[in-house]
């Protein structure tokens, strides 16, 4: 019996211990990782783990820990007998396929091309930093703002699918526009001689500037010398202006009578305007039919 025990003892010593699954981080992890094998290397005994799809892509710059990996694997597959090799954390790297400067130049080139069609002179000053991108420059398309006149600061957007990069610029856009030669008060009927055509920076104006003066317009508000006149500053001159004498035609039972009255308010054709009879000091309402003319129909 002793012989048998002695003979079996070497065989017992030769039985290998249960080998643990070896796990280590991949040398390079990028935001394109889709499977567990893109994050870690697993020994052949459990290599099927590397085919597990990830719940989401890791983010560039994100730090992934050994604990996160192990907890996730246990949650997905159950208990894991493993031995971790190497570093305990890894950082997700961004594969740069377009630098921030390349992206800015693309945005600036497109914006300059658009603005140069309308303005005599433009200057663009980049603002802020543009981050590098993992997507190739050629795959971005450009979205340009269509506002006229442009704001003083605008963002050009570089679009890649659902991914959008705003690229900001400070803008000067010079154009020949009408500028007031002198201060002009509200309700003044405007003449071409009131203005001079000058090249001015129109970026930041709240409304479109005038480059030519329409006929029969007046000011809606007072303006100063050197003011760039815009469409919101002017309006068509009313056919009847407050304080003017107006010829009033009164129609009553087929008979028409003419009289004169003083307008108490401005009025355009078709509007009802309050009038005053200077002889009787009585007020009435008449409908504007033409310049300096109104009528009353019974």
C-alpha atoms as a PDB file:
ATOM      1  CA  UNK A   1       0.000   0.000   0.000  1.00  0.00           C
ATOM      2  CA  UNK A   2       2.844   2.319   0.813  1.00  0.00           C
ATOM      3  CA  UNK A   3       4.248   1.665  -2.633  1.00  0.00           C
ATOM      4  CA  UNK A   4       1.014   2.663  -4.301  1.00  0.00           C
ATOM      5  CA  UNK A   5       0.852   5.936  -2.386  1.00  0.00           C
ATOM      6  CA  UNK A   6       4.408   6.798  -3.269  1.00  0.00           C
ATOM      7  CA  UNK A   7       3.765   5.988  -6.902  1.00  0.00           C
ATOM      8  CA  UNK A   8       0.653   8.162  -7.165  1.00  0.00           C
ATOM      9  CA  UNK A   9       2.143  11.220  -5.446  1.00  0.00           C
ATOM     10  CA  UNK A  10       4.215  12.408  -8.443  1.00  0.00           C
ATOM     11  CA  UNK A  11       1.148  12.150 -10.652  1.00  0.00           C
ATOM     12  CA  UNK A  12      -0.799  14.368  -8.253  1.00  0.00           C
ATOM     13  CA  UNK A  13       1.939  16.977  -8.385  1.00  0.00           C
ATOM     14  CA  UNK A  14       1.850  16.951 -12.197  1.00  0.00           C
ATOM     15  CA  UNK A  15      -1.858  18.020 -12.446  1.00  0.00           C
ATOM     16  CA  UNK A  16      -1.832  21.698 -13.510  1.00  0.00           C
ATOM     17  CA  UNK A  17      -3.674  24.325 -11.426  1.00  0.00           C
ATOM     18  CA  UNK A  18      -6.770  25.986 -12.966  1.00  0.00           C
ATOM     19  CA  UNK A  19      -5.498  28.770 -15.252  1.00  0.00           C
ATOM     20  CA  UNK A  20      -7.078  32.220 -14.834  1.00  0.00           C
ATOM     21  CA  UNK A  21      -8.180  34.282 -17.829  1.00  0.00           C
ATOM     22  CA  UNK A  22      -5.554  36.906 -18.649  1.00  0.00           C
ATOM     23  CA  UNK A  23      -6.835  40.393 -19.468  1.00  0.00           C
ATOM     24  CA  UNK A  24      -4.994  43.572 -20.426  1.00  0.00           C
ATOM     25  CA  UNK A  25      -5.874  46.887 -22.110  1.00  0.00           C
ATOM     26  CA  UNK A  26      -5.255  47.255 -25.818  1.00  0.00           C
ATOM     27  CA  UNK A  27      -2.277  49.452 -26.664  1.00  0.00           C
ATOM     28  CA  UNK A  28      -4.498  52.009 -28.381  1.00  0.00           C
ATOM     29  CA  UNK A  29      -8.175  52.702 -27.683  1.00  0.00           C
ATOM     30  CA  UNK A  30     -10.119  55.100 -29.898  1.00  0.00           C
ATOM     31  CA  UNK A  31     -13.622  56.558 -29.918  1.00  0.00           C
ATOM     32  CA  UNK A  32     -14.466  54.165 -32.763  1.00  0.00           C
ATOM     33  CA  UNK A  33     -14.437  51.167 -30.392  1.00  0.00           C
ATOM     34  CA  UNK A  34     -17.510  48.962 -30.968  1.00  0.00           C
ATOM     35  CA  UNK A  35     -16.628  45.674 -29.255  1.00  0.00           C
ATOM     36  CA  UNK A  36     -15.016  44.706 -25.971  1.00  0.00           C
ATOM     37  CA  UNK A  37     -12.027  43.467 -27.951  1.00  0.00           C
ATOM     38  CA  UNK A  38     -11.417  47.061 -29.065  1.00  0.00           C
ATOM     39  CA  UNK A  39     -10.778  47.910 -25.399  1.00  0.00           C
ATOM     40  CA  UNK A  40      -9.054  44.812 -23.983  1.00  0.00           C
ATOM     41  CA  UNK A  41      -7.085  41.755 -25.027  1.00  0.00           C
ATOM     42  CA  UNK A  42      -8.352  38.466 -23.532  1.00  0.00           C
ATOM     43  CA  UNK A  43      -6.472  35.164 -23.407  1.00  0.00           C
ATOM     44  CA  UNK A  44      -7.620  32.393 -25.742  1.00  0.00           C
ATOM     45  CA  UNK A  45      -9.567  30.469 -23.096  1.00  0.00           C
ATOM     46  CA  UNK A  46     -12.184  33.259 -22.997  1.00  0.00           C
ATOM     47  CA  UNK A  47     -11.544  34.957 -26.330  1.00  0.00           C
ATOM     48  CA  UNK A  48     -15.292  34.999 -27.052  1.00  0.00           C
ATOM     49  CA  UNK A  49     -15.543  37.900 -24.596  1.00  0.00           C
ATOM     50  CA  UNK A  50     -13.816  40.133 -27.129  1.00  0.00           C
ATOM     51  CA  UNK A  51     -16.827  39.806 -29.449  1.00  0.00           C
ATOM     52  CA  UNK A  52     -19.238  41.373 -26.958  1.00  0.00           C
ATOM     53  CA  UNK A  53     -20.724  44.577 -28.448  1.00  0.00           C
ATOM     54  CA  UNK A  54     -20.294  47.699 -26.318  1.00  0.00           C
ATOM     55  CA  UNK A  55     -23.324  49.618 -25.068  1.00  0.00           C
ATOM     56  CA  UNK A  56     -21.925  52.841 -26.570  1.00  0.00           C
ATOM     57  CA  UNK A  57     -18.782  54.304 -28.080  1.00  0.00           C
ATOM     58  CA  UNK A  58     -16.259  55.658 -25.579  1.00  0.00           C
ATOM     59  CA  UNK A  59     -15.644  59.391 -25.696  1.00  0.00           C
ATOM     60  CA  UNK A  60     -12.309  60.941 -26.709  1.00  0.00           C
ATOM     61  CA  UNK A  61     -10.284  61.795 -23.592  1.00  0.00           C
ATOM     62  CA  UNK A  62     -12.376  59.489 -21.382  1.00  0.00           C
ATOM     63  CA  UNK A  63     -10.467  57.364 -18.840  1.00  0.00           C
ATOM     64  CA  UNK A  64     -11.536  53.715 -18.583  1.00  0.00           C
ATOM     65  CA  UNK A  65     -10.606  51.729 -15.461  1.00  0.00           C
ATOM     66  CA  UNK A  66      -9.998  48.033 -14.899  1.00  0.00           C
ATOM     67  CA  UNK A  67     -12.934  47.979 -12.474  1.00  0.00           C
ATOM     68  CA  UNK A  68     -15.301  49.377 -15.127  1.00  0.00           C
ATOM     69  CA  UNK A  69     -14.278  46.636 -17.551  1.00  0.00           C
ATOM     70  CA  UNK A  70     -14.549  43.780 -15.055  1.00  0.00           C
ATOM     71  CA  UNK A  71     -17.878  44.970 -13.620  1.00  0.00           C
ATOM     72  CA  UNK A  72     -19.317  45.306 -17.118  1.00  0.00           C
ATOM     73  CA  UNK A  73     -18.159  41.803 -18.168  1.00  0.00           C
ATOM     74  CA  UNK A  74     -19.565  40.222 -14.988  1.00  0.00           C
ATOM     75  CA  UNK A  75     -22.869  42.016 -15.561  1.00  0.00           C
ATOM     76  CA  UNK A  76     -23.042  40.687 -19.117  1.00  0.00           C
ATOM     77  CA  UNK A  77     -21.685  37.120 -18.693  1.00  0.00           C
ATOM     78  CA  UNK A  78     -21.571  36.240 -14.991  1.00  0.00           C
ATOM     79  CA  UNK A  79     -18.602  35.445 -12.658  1.00  0.00           C
ATOM     80  CA  UNK A  80     -15.140  35.862 -14.126  1.00  0.00           C
ATOM     81  CA  UNK A  81     -11.972  34.202 -12.852  1.00  0.00           C
ATOM     82  CA  UNK A  82      -9.279  36.490 -14.229  1.00  0.00           C
ATOM     83  CA  UNK A  83      -5.820  37.909 -13.778  1.00  0.00           C
ATOM     84  CA  UNK A  84      -5.265  41.505 -14.913  1.00  0.00           C
ATOM     85  CA  UNK A  85      -1.983  42.319 -16.562  1.00  0.00           C
ATOM     86  CA  UNK A  86      -0.428  45.726 -17.108  1.00  0.00           C
ATOM     87  CA  UNK A  87      -1.852  49.184 -16.379  1.00  0.00           C
ATOM     88  CA  UNK A  88      -5.135  49.574 -14.507  1.00  0.00           C
ATOM     89  CA  UNK A  89      -6.492  52.527 -16.521  1.00  0.00           C
ATOM     90  CA  UNK A  90      -6.457  53.603 -20.167  1.00  0.00           C
ATOM     91  CA  UNK A  91      -7.401  56.818 -21.924  1.00  0.00           C
ATOM     92  CA  UNK A  92      -9.499  56.932 -25.065  1.00  0.00           C
ATOM     93  CA  UNK A  93      -7.477  58.557 -27.819  1.00  0.00           C
ATOM     94  CA  UNK A  94      -8.863  60.734 -30.577  1.00  0.00           C
ATOM     95  CA  UNK A  95      -7.704  59.924 -34.059  1.00  0.00           C
ATOM     96  CA  UNK A  96      -7.143  63.330 -35.644  1.00  0.00           C
ATOM     97  CA  UNK A  97      -8.115  63.395 -39.310  1.00  0.00           C
ATOM     98  CA  UNK A  98      -8.775  67.133 -39.532  1.00  0.00           C
ATOM     99  CA  UNK A  99      -7.011  69.717 -37.382  1.00  0.00           C
ATOM    100  CA  UNK A 100      -8.770  72.712 -35.873  1.00  0.00           C
ATOM    101  CA  UNK A 101      -6.856  75.043 -38.181  1.00  0.00           C
ATOM    102  CA  UNK A 102      -7.929  73.059 -41.244  1.00  0.00           C
ATOM    103  CA  UNK A 103     -11.554  73.219 -40.147  1.00  0.00           C
ATOM    104  CA  UNK A 104     -11.336  76.982 -39.561  1.00  0.00           C
ATOM    105  CA  UNK A 105      -9.763  77.581 -42.978  1.00  0.00           C
ATOM    106  CA  UNK A 106     -12.553  75.603 -44.648  1.00  0.00           C
ATOM    107  CA  UNK A 107     -15.211  77.653 -42.847  1.00  0.00           C
ATOM    108  CA  UNK A 108     -13.425  80.942 -43.566  1.00  0.00           C
ATOM    109  CA  UNK A 109     -12.966  80.190 -47.267  1.00  0.00           C
ATOM    110  CA  UNK A 110     -16.671  79.442 -47.723  1.00  0.00           C
ATOM    111  CA  UNK A 111     -17.736  82.525 -45.756  1.00  0.00           C
ATOM    112  CA  UNK A 112     -15.392  84.821 -47.691  1.00  0.00           C
ATOM    113  CA  UNK A 113     -16.737  83.437 -50.971  1.00  0.00           C
ATOM    114  CA  UNK A 114     -20.328  84.159 -49.928  1.00  0.00           C
ATOM    115  CA  UNK A 115     -19.723  87.668 -48.552  1.00  0.00           C
ATOM    116  CA  UNK A 116     -17.493  88.823 -51.418  1.00  0.00           C
ATOM    117  CA  UNK A 117     -20.463  88.486 -53.801  1.00  0.00           C
ATOM    118  CA  UNK A 118     -22.371  91.248 -51.975  1.00  0.00           C
ATOM    119  CA  UNK A 119     -19.850  93.513 -50.256  1.00  0.00           C
ATOM    120  CA  UNK A 120     -17.050  95.657 -51.636  1.00  0.00           C
ATOM    121  CA  UNK A 121     -14.604  94.823 -48.835  1.00  0.00           C
ATOM    122  CA  UNK A 122     -14.762  92.238 -46.056  1.00  0.00           C
ATOM    123  CA  UNK A 123     -12.531  91.322 -43.114  1.00  0.00           C
ATOM    124  CA  UNK A 124     -12.897  88.170 -41.021  1.00  0.00           C
ATOM    125  CA  UNK A 125     -11.245  87.753 -37.618  1.00  0.00           C
ATOM    126  CA  UNK A 126     -11.441  84.219 -36.155  1.00  0.00           C
ATOM    127  CA  UNK A 127     -12.669  83.944 -32.567  1.00  0.00           C
ATOM    128  CA  UNK A 128     -12.010  81.118 -30.117  1.00  0.00           C
ATOM    129  CA  UNK A 129     -10.452  77.716 -30.668  1.00  0.00           C
ATOM    130  CA  UNK A 130     -11.644  74.975 -32.989  1.00  0.00           C
ATOM    131  CA  UNK A 131     -10.992  71.426 -31.785  1.00  0.00           C
ATOM    132  CA  UNK A 132      -9.428  68.741 -33.941  1.00  0.00           C
ATOM    133  CA  UNK A 133     -11.820  66.221 -35.465  1.00  0.00           C
ATOM    134  CA  UNK A 134     -11.707  62.484 -35.980  1.00  0.00           C
ATOM    135  CA  UNK A 135     -13.608  62.933 -39.264  1.00  0.00           C
ATOM    136  CA  UNK A 136     -11.838  63.770 -42.552  1.00  0.00           C
ATOM    137  CA  UNK A 137     -12.064  67.388 -43.698  1.00  0.00           C
ATOM    138  CA  UNK A 138     -13.618  66.388 -47.023  1.00  0.00           C
ATOM    139  CA  UNK A 139     -16.617  64.809 -45.263  1.00  0.00           C
ATOM    140  CA  UNK A 140     -17.787  68.089 -43.673  1.00  0.00           C
ATOM    141  CA  UNK A 141     -20.296  70.323 -45.414  1.00  0.00           C
ATOM    142  CA  UNK A 142     -20.649  73.994 -44.551  1.00  0.00           C
ATOM    143  CA  UNK A 143     -23.788  75.803 -43.379  1.00  0.00           C
ATOM    144  CA  UNK A 144     -23.567  79.582 -43.787  1.00  0.00           C
ATOM    145  CA  UNK A 145     -25.869  82.178 -42.196  1.00  0.00           C
ATOM    146  CA  UNK A 146     -28.003  84.011 -44.756  1.00  0.00           C
ATOM    147  CA  UNK A 147     -28.715  87.220 -42.809  1.00  0.00           C
ATOM    148  CA  UNK A 148     -28.378  90.605 -44.529  1.00  0.00           C
ATOM    149  CA  UNK A 149     -26.762  92.659 -43.287  1.00  0.00           C
ATOM    150  CA  UNK A 150     -24.614  90.235 -41.303  1.00  0.00           C
ATOM    151  CA  UNK A 151     -24.215  90.356 -37.536  1.00  0.00           C
ATOM    152  CA  UNK A 152     -20.899  91.609 -36.163  1.00  0.00           C
ATOM    153  CA  UNK A 153     -20.150  88.070 -34.987  1.00  0.00           C
ATOM    154  CA  UNK A 154     -21.452  84.996 -36.784  1.00  0.00           C
ATOM    155  CA  UNK A 155     -20.935  81.248 -36.602  1.00  0.00           C
ATOM    156  CA  UNK A 156     -20.268  79.089 -39.627  1.00  0.00           C
ATOM    157  CA  UNK A 157     -21.289  75.493 -38.946  1.00  0.00           C
ATOM    158  CA  UNK A 158     -19.339  72.499 -40.190  1.00  0.00           C
ATOM    159  CA  UNK A 159     -21.702  69.520 -40.338  1.00  0.00           C
ATOM    160  CA  UNK A 160     -20.887  65.808 -40.323  1.00  0.00           C
ATOM    161  CA  UNK A 161     -24.088  63.815 -39.853  1.00  0.00           C
ATOM    162  CA  UNK A 162     -25.398  64.728 -36.397  1.00  0.00           C
ATOM    163  CA  UNK A 163     -22.021  66.226 -35.507  1.00  0.00           C
ATOM    164  CA  UNK A 164     -21.790  70.039 -35.749  1.00  0.00           C
ATOM    165  CA  UNK A 165     -18.813  72.341 -35.180  1.00  0.00           C
ATOM    166  CA  UNK A 166     -19.472  76.110 -34.822  1.00  0.00           C
ATOM    167  CA  UNK A 167     -16.629  78.290 -36.122  1.00  0.00           C
ATOM    168  CA  UNK A 168     -16.956  81.929 -35.001  1.00  0.00           C
ATOM    169  CA  UNK A 169     -15.783  85.039 -36.832  1.00  0.00           C
ATOM    170  CA  UNK A 170     -15.887  88.767 -36.149  1.00  0.00           C
ATOM    171  CA  UNK A 171     -16.976  90.504 -39.358  1.00  0.00           C
ATOM    172  CA  UNK A 172     -16.583  93.833 -41.118  1.00  0.00           C
ATOM    173  CA  UNK A 173     -18.532  94.170 -44.374  1.00  0.00           C
ATOM    174  CA  UNK A 174     -18.166  97.417 -46.348  1.00  0.00           C
ATOM    175  CA  UNK A 175     -20.768  98.534 -48.869  1.00  0.00           C
ATOM    176  CA  UNK A 176     -21.733 101.808 -50.575  1.00  0.00           C
ATOM    177  CA  UNK A 177     -24.823 103.082 -48.725  1.00  0.00           C
ATOM    178  CA  UNK A 178     -26.768 106.323 -48.239  1.00  0.00           C
ATOM    179  CA  UNK A 179     -25.430 108.433 -45.357  1.00  0.00           C
ATOM    180  CA  UNK A 180     -27.142 111.551 -43.993  1.00  0.00           C
ATOM    181  CA  UNK A 181     -25.322 114.812 -44.802  1.00  0.00           C
ATOM    182  CA  UNK A 182     -26.900 116.569 -41.810  1.00  0.00           C
ATOM    183  CA  UNK A 183     -29.286 115.937 -38.908  1.00  0.00           C
ATOM    184  CA  UNK A 184     -32.821 115.360 -40.236  1.00  0.00           C
ATOM    185  CA  UNK A 185     -35.947 115.496 -38.098  1.00  0.00           C
ATOM    186  CA  UNK A 186     -38.812 113.058 -37.919  1.00  0.00           C
ATOM    187  CA  UNK A 187     -41.545 113.320 -40.612  1.00  0.00           C
ATOM    188  CA  UNK A 188     -39.269 115.133 -43.068  1.00  0.00           C
ATOM    189  CA  UNK A 189     -39.952 114.296 -46.713  1.00  0.00           C
ATOM    190  CA  UNK A 190     -36.615 113.098 -48.033  1.00  0.00           C
ATOM    191  CA  UNK A 191     -34.704 114.250 -51.096  1.00  0.00           C
ATOM    192  CA  UNK A 192     -31.666 112.719 -52.767  1.00  0.00           C
ATOM    193  CA  UNK A 193     -29.704 115.848 -51.810  1.00  0.00           C
ATOM    194  CA  UNK A 194     -30.139 114.948 -48.123  1.00  0.00           C
ATOM    195  CA  UNK A 195     -27.739 112.026 -48.518  1.00  0.00           C
ATOM    196  CA  UNK A 196     -24.382 111.038 -49.910  1.00  0.00           C
ATOM    197  CA  UNK A 197     -23.269 107.597 -51.072  1.00  0.00           C
ATOM    198  CA  UNK A 198     -20.386 106.371 -48.892  1.00  0.00           C
ATOM    199  CA  UNK A 199     -18.643 103.063 -48.286  1.00  0.00           C
ATOM    200  CA  UNK A 200     -19.460 101.995 -44.716  1.00  0.00           C
ATOM    201  CA  UNK A 201     -19.274  98.886 -42.538  1.00  0.00           C
ATOM    202  CA  UNK A 202     -22.856  97.578 -42.425  1.00  0.00           C
ATOM    203  CA  UNK A 203     -22.219  94.549 -40.187  1.00  0.00           C
ATOM    204  CA  UNK A 204     -24.446  94.696 -37.150  1.00  0.00           C
ATOM    205  CA  UNK A 205     -27.119  96.978 -38.649  1.00  0.00           C
ATOM    206  CA  UNK A 206     -30.598  96.007 -37.477  1.00  0.00           C
ATOM    207  CA  UNK A 207     -32.146  96.439 -40.928  1.00  0.00           C
ATOM    208  CA  UNK A 208     -31.158  96.638 -44.585  1.00  0.00           C
ATOM    209  CA  UNK A 209     -29.361  99.859 -45.580  1.00  0.00           C
ATOM    210  CA  UNK A 210     -30.602 101.993 -48.459  1.00  0.00           C
ATOM    211  CA  UNK A 211     -28.345 102.242 -51.494  1.00  0.00           C
ATOM    212  CA  UNK A 212     -30.833 104.318 -53.509  1.00  0.00           C
ATOM    213  CA  UNK A 213     -33.598 106.621 -52.308  1.00  0.00           C
ATOM    214  CA  UNK A 214     -37.166 105.536 -53.155  1.00  0.00           C
ATOM    215  CA  UNK A 215     -39.590 108.209 -54.303  1.00  0.00           C
ATOM    216  CA  UNK A 216     -42.105 109.874 -51.975  1.00  0.00           C
ATOM    217  CA  UNK A 217     -40.767 108.743 -48.596  1.00  0.00           C
ATOM    218  CA  UNK A 218     -40.279 110.475 -45.262  1.00  0.00           C
ATOM    219  CA  UNK A 219     -38.523 109.792 -41.988  1.00  0.00           C
ATOM    220  CA  UNK A 220     -40.215 107.786 -39.250  1.00  0.00           C
ATOM    221  CA  UNK A 221     -37.698 109.057 -36.698  1.00  0.00           C
ATOM    222  CA  UNK A 222     -35.036 111.749 -36.435  1.00  0.00           C
ATOM    223  CA  UNK A 223     -31.507 110.848 -37.524  1.00  0.00           C
ATOM    224  CA  UNK A 224     -28.077 112.398 -36.997  1.00  0.00           C
ATOM    225  CA  UNK A 225     -25.405 113.411 -39.447  1.00  0.00           C
ATOM    226  CA  UNK A 226     -23.497 110.412 -40.900  1.00  0.00           C
ATOM    227  CA  UNK A 227     -26.358 108.063 -40.019  1.00  0.00           C
ATOM    228  CA  UNK A 228     -26.673 105.068 -42.366  1.00  0.00           C
ATOM    229  CA  UNK A 229     -30.318 105.219 -43.411  1.00  0.00           C
ATOM    230  CA  UNK A 230     -32.145 101.877 -43.359  1.00  0.00           C
ATOM    231  CA  UNK A 231     -35.553 100.660 -44.492  1.00  0.00           C
ATOM    232  CA  UNK A 232     -36.851 100.824 -40.924  1.00  0.00           C
ATOM    233  CA  UNK A 233     -36.019 104.568 -40.792  1.00  0.00           C
ATOM    234  CA  UNK A 234     -38.379 105.500 -43.632  1.00  0.00           C
ATOM    235  CA  UNK A 235     -41.961 105.026 -44.818  1.00  0.00           C
ATOM    236  CA  UNK A 236     -44.037 106.166 -47.800  1.00  0.00           C
ATOM    237  CA  UNK A 237     -45.194 109.758 -47.386  1.00  0.00           C
ATOM    238  CA  UNK A 238     -48.913 109.783 -46.428  1.00  0.00           C
ATOM    239  CA  UNK A 239     -51.356 111.278 -48.929  1.00  0.00           C
ATOM    240  CA  UNK A 240     -52.636 113.499 -46.120  1.00  0.00           C
ATOM    241  CA  UNK A 241     -50.319 114.898 -43.454  1.00  0.00           C
ATOM    242  CA  UNK A 242     -51.363 116.238 -40.091  1.00  0.00           C
ATOM    243  CA  UNK A 243     -51.763 120.039 -40.170  1.00  0.00           C
ATOM    244  CA  UNK A 244     -52.251 120.274 -43.940  1.00  0.00           C
ATOM    245  CA  UNK A 245     -55.258 121.791 -45.662  1.00  0.00           C
ATOM    246  CA  UNK A 246     -57.387 119.105 -47.309  1.00  0.00           C
ATOM    247  CA  UNK A 247     -60.080 119.406 -49.967  1.00  0.00           C
ATOM    248  CA  UNK A 248     -63.113 117.458 -48.724  1.00  0.00           C
ATOM    249  CA  UNK A 249     -65.912 116.317 -51.044  1.00  0.00           C
ATOM    250  CA  UNK A 250     -69.238 115.649 -49.332  1.00  0.00           C
ATOM    251  CA  UNK A 251     -71.702 113.373 -51.161  1.00  0.00           C
ATOM    252  CA  UNK A 252     -75.309 113.617 -49.979  1.00  0.00           C
ATOM    253  CA  UNK A 253     -78.335 112.350 -51.947  1.00  0.00           C
ATOM    254  CA  UNK A 254     -76.659 112.719 -55.324  1.00  0.00           C
ATOM    255  CA  UNK A 255     -75.306 116.171 -54.534  1.00  0.00           C
ATOM    256  CA  UNK A 256     -71.585 116.828 -54.001  1.00  0.00           C
ATOM    257  CA  UNK A 257     -70.251 119.751 -52.021  1.00  0.00           C
ATOM    258  CA  UNK A 258     -66.649 120.903 -51.695  1.00  0.00           C
ATOM    259  CA  UNK A 259     -65.143 122.258 -48.531  1.00  0.00           C
ATOM    260  CA  UNK A 260     -61.738 122.660 -46.914  1.00  0.00           C
ATOM    261  CA  UNK A 261     -60.555 121.268 -43.608  1.00  0.00           C
ATOM    262  CA  UNK A 262     -57.372 120.786 -41.616  1.00  0.00           C
ATOM    263  CA  UNK A 263     -56.099 117.224 -41.116  1.00  0.00           C
ATOM    264  CA  UNK A 264     -55.766 116.224 -37.459  1.00  0.00           C
ATOM    265  CA  UNK A 265     -53.684 113.139 -38.283  1.00  0.00           C
ATOM    266  CA  UNK A 266     -51.710 111.478 -41.078  1.00  0.00           C
ATOM    267  CA  UNK A 267     -53.528 109.182 -43.479  1.00  0.00           C
ATOM    268  CA  UNK A 268     -52.958 106.915 -46.448  1.00  0.00           C
ATOM    269  CA  UNK A 269     -55.416 106.253 -49.280  1.00  0.00           C
ATOM    270  CA  UNK A 270     -58.448 104.363 -47.993  1.00  0.00           C
ATOM    271  CA  UNK A 271     -57.916 105.292 -44.339  1.00  0.00           C
ATOM    272  CA  UNK A 272     -60.333 107.328 -42.240  1.00  0.00           C
ATOM    273  CA  UNK A 273     -58.783 110.549 -40.941  1.00  0.00           C
ATOM    274  CA  UNK A 274     -60.030 112.994 -38.348  1.00  0.00           C
ATOM    275  CA  UNK A 275     -60.563 116.514 -39.765  1.00  0.00           C
ATOM    276  CA  UNK A 276     -61.360 119.935 -38.334  1.00  0.00           C
ATOM    277  CA  UNK A 277     -63.575 122.557 -39.969  1.00  0.00           C
ATOM    278  CA  UNK A 278     -61.764 125.825 -39.148  1.00  0.00           C
ATOM    279  CA  UNK A 279     -64.944 127.891 -39.707  1.00  0.00           C
ATOM    280  CA  UNK A 280     -67.160 125.973 -37.290  1.00  0.00           C
ATOM    281  CA  UNK A 281     -64.402 124.436 -35.129  1.00  0.00           C
ATOM    282  CA  UNK A 282     -66.220 121.117 -35.492  1.00  0.00           C
ATOM    283  CA  UNK A 283     -64.514 117.755 -36.041  1.00  0.00           C
ATOM    284  CA  UNK A 284     -65.495 115.016 -38.470  1.00  0.00           C
ATOM    285  CA  UNK A 285     -64.039 111.935 -40.155  1.00  0.00           C
ATOM    286  CA  UNK A 286     -63.346 111.613 -43.888  1.00  0.00           C
ATOM    287  CA  UNK A 287     -61.815 108.911 -46.054  1.00  0.00           C
ATOM    288  CA  UNK A 288     -58.536 109.661 -47.850  1.00  0.00           C
ATOM    289  CA  UNK A 289     -58.889 109.323 -51.649  1.00  0.00           C
ATOM    290  CA  UNK A 290     -55.750 111.074 -52.957  1.00  0.00           C
ATOM    291  CA  UNK A 291     -53.038 113.549 -52.027  1.00  0.00           C
ATOM    292  CA  UNK A 292     -54.664 116.427 -50.095  1.00  0.00           C
ATOM    293  CA  UNK A 293     -58.111 114.997 -50.889  1.00  0.00           C
ATOM    294  CA  UNK A 294     -60.770 113.218 -48.829  1.00  0.00           C
ATOM    295  CA  UNK A 295     -64.479 112.478 -49.084  1.00  0.00           C
ATOM    296  CA  UNK A 296     -67.549 111.892 -46.968  1.00  0.00           C
ATOM    297  CA  UNK A 297     -70.400 109.721 -48.211  1.00  0.00           C
ATOM    298  CA  UNK A 298     -73.736 109.726 -46.435  1.00  0.00           C
END
